[in-house]
C-alpha cells in the first residue's frame, strides 16, 4: 500500500481521518462513523469505522476494489453534526497510477567476465499528462535466460520519479553460463506496474 496512490487494476484506496469533535460548538450525541462522510469517485458514503482514544477519533474508509483509469483524483471528507450540518471539511488528492516505469538508459559490458556493472536511469509517472506524480520505484530484477537471479530493493518514496543507479554484480551472482544468452532487467514501481529491457 502506497500513501496517495493506487494501481489502475484491481485495487482499492483506504482513507484515514483523525477527528477531534468540538462538543462546545457542535451537536454530537455520540460521535461515530455516520458523522463522517466522504465524496469520492462519484459516490458519497459514510466512513466504515471510527475508534475513540482520549476524545479523538481515528476513522477509516476503504473504496471498493475495482479497475479504474489512470488519473489524478480528489476526495472531500466532511464532518456532519447531529443537525445534519457540515461543521468541518477537508479536500485531498490521490492518484490512480497506471503507467509503468521507463528504462531511459541501460549501460552494461558487451561481455560478462567476473564483475559486472550495470548503470540504469529510470523514470516513472502516474499517467500521461500527470506531472511530478508517481508511486515511486520499488525494485529491480535481473534475469538470465528468463530466470530471475537477483532482486534489488529500491523503496523510493512516492513522488521520487527519477532514479539512477549502478548495480554491482558478477557472473556468479547472476548465475550466468558460458556462451551467448539473453539478459533482462525488470523494473517495478510501488503499485507493481512493470517494464523490462532485454539484450
Protein backbone atom coordinates (compact mmCIF):
# COMPACT_ATOMS: atom_id res chain seq x y z
CA UNK A 1 0.00 0.00 0.00
CA UNK A 2 1.41 3.39 -1.04
CA UNK A 3 0.03 6.54 0.56
CA UNK A 4 -1.85 8.62 -2.00
CA UNK A 5 -1.55 6.09 -4.85
CA UNK A 6 -3.46 3.04 -6.04
CA UNK A 7 -2.97 0.77 -9.03
CA UNK A 8 -5.08 1.04 -12.18
CA UNK A 9 -6.31 -2.55 -11.92
CA UNK A 10 -7.92 -4.47 -9.05
CA UNK A 11 -7.05 -2.03 -6.26
CA UNK A 12 -8.75 -0.04 -3.51
CA UNK A 13 -7.97 3.21 -1.68
CA UNK A 14 -8.07 3.46 2.11
CA UNK A 15 -8.60 6.92 3.61
CA UNK A 16 -7.82 7.65 7.24
CA UNK A 17 -9.09 10.67 9.17
CA UNK A 18 -8.31 11.89 12.68
CA UNK A 19 -11.22 13.87 14.16
CA UNK A 20 -11.48 15.77 17.45
CA UNK A 21 -15.12 16.94 17.75
CA UNK A 22 -15.76 20.40 19.20
CA UNK A 23 -18.51 19.48 21.65
CA UNK A 24 -18.83 23.09 22.84
CA UNK A 25 -19.75 24.41 19.38
CA UNK A 26 -21.22 21.39 17.58
CA UNK A 27 -24.00 18.93 18.33
CA UNK A 28 -22.92 15.30 18.73
CA UNK A 29 -24.90 12.96 20.94
CA UNK A 30 -22.28 10.28 20.31
CA UNK A 31 -19.73 10.76 17.51
CA UNK A 32 -19.49 7.81 15.14
CA UNK A 33 -18.63 6.92 11.54
CA UNK A 34 -22.08 8.15 10.49
CA UNK A 35 -20.90 11.69 11.35
CA UNK A 36 -18.11 11.44 8.75
CA UNK A 37 -18.93 11.47 5.04
CA UNK A 38 -16.63 11.12 2.05
CA UNK A 39 -17.30 12.19 -1.54
CA UNK A 40 -15.04 10.07 -3.76
CA UNK A 41 -15.14 8.55 -7.26
CA UNK A 42 -18.69 9.77 -7.86
CA UNK A 43 -20.08 8.42 -4.57
CA UNK A 44 -21.00 9.90 -1.21
CA UNK A 45 -20.69 7.43 1.66
CA UNK A 46 -20.16 7.29 5.41
CA UNK A 47 -16.84 6.09 6.79
CA UNK A 48 -16.54 2.39 7.63
CA UNK A 49 -15.43 2.69 11.25
CA UNK A 50 -14.18 5.04 13.98
CA UNK A 51 -12.21 4.25 17.13
CA UNK A 52 -12.05 6.74 20.02
CA UNK A 53 -8.95 7.48 22.10
CA UNK A 54 -8.84 10.37 24.60
CA UNK A 55 -11.54 12.35 22.78
CA UNK A 56 -10.01 11.87 19.32
CA UNK A 57 -11.49 9.53 16.75
CA UNK A 58 -9.42 7.58 14.23
CA UNK A 59 -11.72 6.77 11.32
CA UNK A 60 -11.19 4.74 8.13
CA UNK A 61 -12.91 4.31 4.81
CA UNK A 62 -11.99 1.90 2.00
CA UNK A 63 -13.32 2.08 -1.54
CA UNK A 64 -14.48 -0.99 -3.40
CA UNK A 65 -11.76 -2.91 -5.22
CA UNK A 66 -12.06 -2.18 -8.93
CA UNK A 67 -10.32 -1.38 -12.21
CA UNK A 68 -10.01 2.35 -12.90
CA UNK A 69 -8.44 4.66 -15.48
CA UNK A 70 -5.14 6.33 -14.56
CA UNK A 71 -5.85 9.86 -13.33
CA UNK A 72 -5.41 12.49 -10.66
CA UNK A 73 -8.49 12.48 -8.39
CA UNK A 74 -9.76 14.45 -5.41
CA UNK A 75 -11.96 13.48 -2.48
CA UNK A 76 -13.78 15.52 0.13
CA UNK A 77 -14.22 14.45 3.77
CA UNK A 78 -16.94 16.26 5.76
CA UNK A 79 -17.89 16.16 9.44
CA UNK A 80 -21.69 16.22 9.86
CA UNK A 81 -23.25 17.03 13.22
CA UNK A 82 -26.50 15.60 14.55
CA UNK A 83 -28.41 18.50 12.98
CA UNK A 84 -27.09 17.42 9.54
CA UNK A 85 -24.88 20.50 9.33
CA UNK A 86 -21.37 20.35 7.83
CA UNK A 87 -19.12 21.63 10.62
CA UNK A 88 -15.74 20.86 9.01
CA UNK A 89 -14.42 19.58 5.70
CA UNK A 90 -11.12 18.79 4.01
CA UNK A 91 -10.23 18.03 0.39
CA UNK A 92 -7.25 15.95 -0.68
CA UNK A 93 -5.76 14.40 -3.81
CA UNK A 94 -4.82 10.85 -4.76
CA UNK A 95 -3.53 9.22 -7.93
CA UNK A 96 -4.52 6.15 -9.89
CA UNK A 97 -1.10 5.05 -11.17
CA UNK A 98 -1.46 3.28 -14.50
CA UNK A 99 1.93 3.94 -16.07
CA UNK A 100 4.88 1.55 -15.96
CA UNK A 101 8.36 2.90 -15.15
CA UNK A 102 10.56 3.75 -18.14
CA UNK A 103 14.11 2.47 -18.57
CA UNK A 104 15.59 5.65 -20.04
CA UNK A 105 19.07 4.18 -20.44
CA UNK A 106 20.94 0.99 -19.60
CA UNK A 107 24.72 0.65 -19.89
CA UNK A 108 26.34 -2.76 -19.50
CA UNK A 109 29.52 -4.53 -20.66
CA UNK A 110 29.48 -6.33 -24.00
CA UNK A 111 30.93 -9.40 -22.32
CA UNK A 112 30.18 -10.53 -18.78
CA UNK A 113 33.55 -11.51 -17.24
CA UNK A 114 33.65 -11.90 -13.45
CA UNK A 115 32.46 -8.49 -12.12
CA UNK A 116 29.51 -6.88 -13.96
CA UNK A 117 28.41 -3.26 -13.52
CA UNK A 118 25.03 -2.19 -14.92
CA UNK A 119 24.13 1.51 -14.94
CA UNK A 120 20.43 2.37 -15.12
CA UNK A 121 18.47 5.59 -15.49
CA UNK A 122 14.78 5.16 -14.67
CA UNK A 123 11.76 7.46 -14.75
CA UNK A 124 8.21 7.00 -13.53
CA UNK A 125 4.89 8.82 -13.77
CA UNK A 126 1.37 8.04 -12.56
CA UNK A 127 -0.07 8.53 -16.05
CA UNK A 128 0.05 10.51 -19.26
CA UNK A 129 -0.41 14.22 -18.58
CA UNK A 130 0.18 13.80 -14.83
CA UNK A 131 3.29 15.81 -13.97
CA UNK A 132 5.55 15.26 -10.96
CA UNK A 133 3.46 12.43 -9.54
CA UNK A 134 4.37 8.75 -9.32
CA UNK A 135 4.17 5.94 -6.79
CA UNK A 136 7.99 5.64 -6.79
CA UNK A 137 10.34 2.81 -7.73
CA UNK A 138 10.06 -0.42 -5.78
CA UNK A 139 12.62 -2.87 -7.13
CA UNK A 140 14.82 -4.09 -9.98
CA UNK A 141 15.08 -7.71 -11.05
CA UNK A 142 17.93 -9.15 -13.12
CA UNK A 143 17.28 -12.24 -15.21
CA UNK A 144 19.41 -14.59 -17.27
CA UNK A 145 17.68 -16.85 -19.82
CA UNK A 146 14.22 -15.89 -18.45
CA UNK A 147 15.16 -16.82 -14.88
CA UNK A 148 15.28 -14.05 -12.26
CA UNK A 149 18.57 -14.43 -10.42
CA UNK A 150 18.70 -11.16 -8.45
CA UNK A 151 16.09 -8.96 -6.79
CA UNK A 152 17.28 -5.49 -5.75
CA UNK A 153 15.05 -3.37 -3.50
CA UNK A 154 14.82 0.39 -4.18
CA UNK A 155 11.97 1.52 -1.91
CA UNK A 156 11.81 5.06 -3.35
CA UNK A 157 9.26 7.43 -1.84
CA UNK A 158 6.10 8.41 -3.75
CA UNK A 159 6.87 11.44 -5.89
CA UNK A 160 10.53 10.41 -6.37
CA UNK A 161 10.10 9.90 -10.11
CA UNK A 162 13.71 9.77 -11.35
CA UNK A 163 16.24 7.18 -10.26
CA UNK A 164 19.82 6.46 -11.33
CA UNK A 165 21.99 3.65 -10.04
CA UNK A 166 24.93 1.42 -10.88
CA UNK A 167 24.32 -2.20 -9.92
CA UNK A 168 27.49 -4.08 -8.98
CA UNK A 169 27.04 -7.77 -9.57
CA UNK A 170 29.02 -10.68 -11.02
CA UNK A 171 28.76 -13.63 -13.36
CA UNK A 172 28.47 -15.88 -10.30
CA UNK A 173 25.67 -13.83 -8.69
CA UNK A 174 23.81 -13.68 -12.00
CA UNK A 175 24.26 -17.45 -12.37
CA UNK A 176 25.31 -16.83 -15.98
CA UNK A 177 26.55 -19.80 -18.02
CA UNK A 178 29.17 -19.67 -20.73
CA UNK A 179 28.11 -18.57 -24.20
CA UNK A 180 25.53 -16.18 -25.61
CA UNK A 181 22.27 -15.80 -23.65
CA UNK A 182 19.51 -13.31 -23.05
CA UNK A 183 19.90 -10.82 -20.20
CA UNK A 184 16.85 -8.85 -18.95
CA UNK A 185 16.27 -6.03 -16.48
CA UNK A 186 12.78 -5.71 -14.97
CA UNK A 187 11.73 -2.57 -13.07
CA UNK A 188 8.67 -2.20 -10.82
CA UNK A 189 7.04 0.82 -9.23
CA UNK A 190 5.39 0.77 -5.80
CA UNK A 191 1.96 -0.25 -7.15
CA UNK A 192 3.66 -3.02 -9.19
CA UNK A 193 3.43 -1.58 -12.70
CA UNK A 194 6.43 -3.08 -14.51
CA UNK A 195 8.61 -2.73 -17.56
CA UNK A 196 11.61 -4.61 -18.93
CA UNK A 197 14.54 -4.34 -21.31
CA UNK A 198 16.30 -7.38 -22.73
CA UNK A 199 19.57 -7.71 -24.63
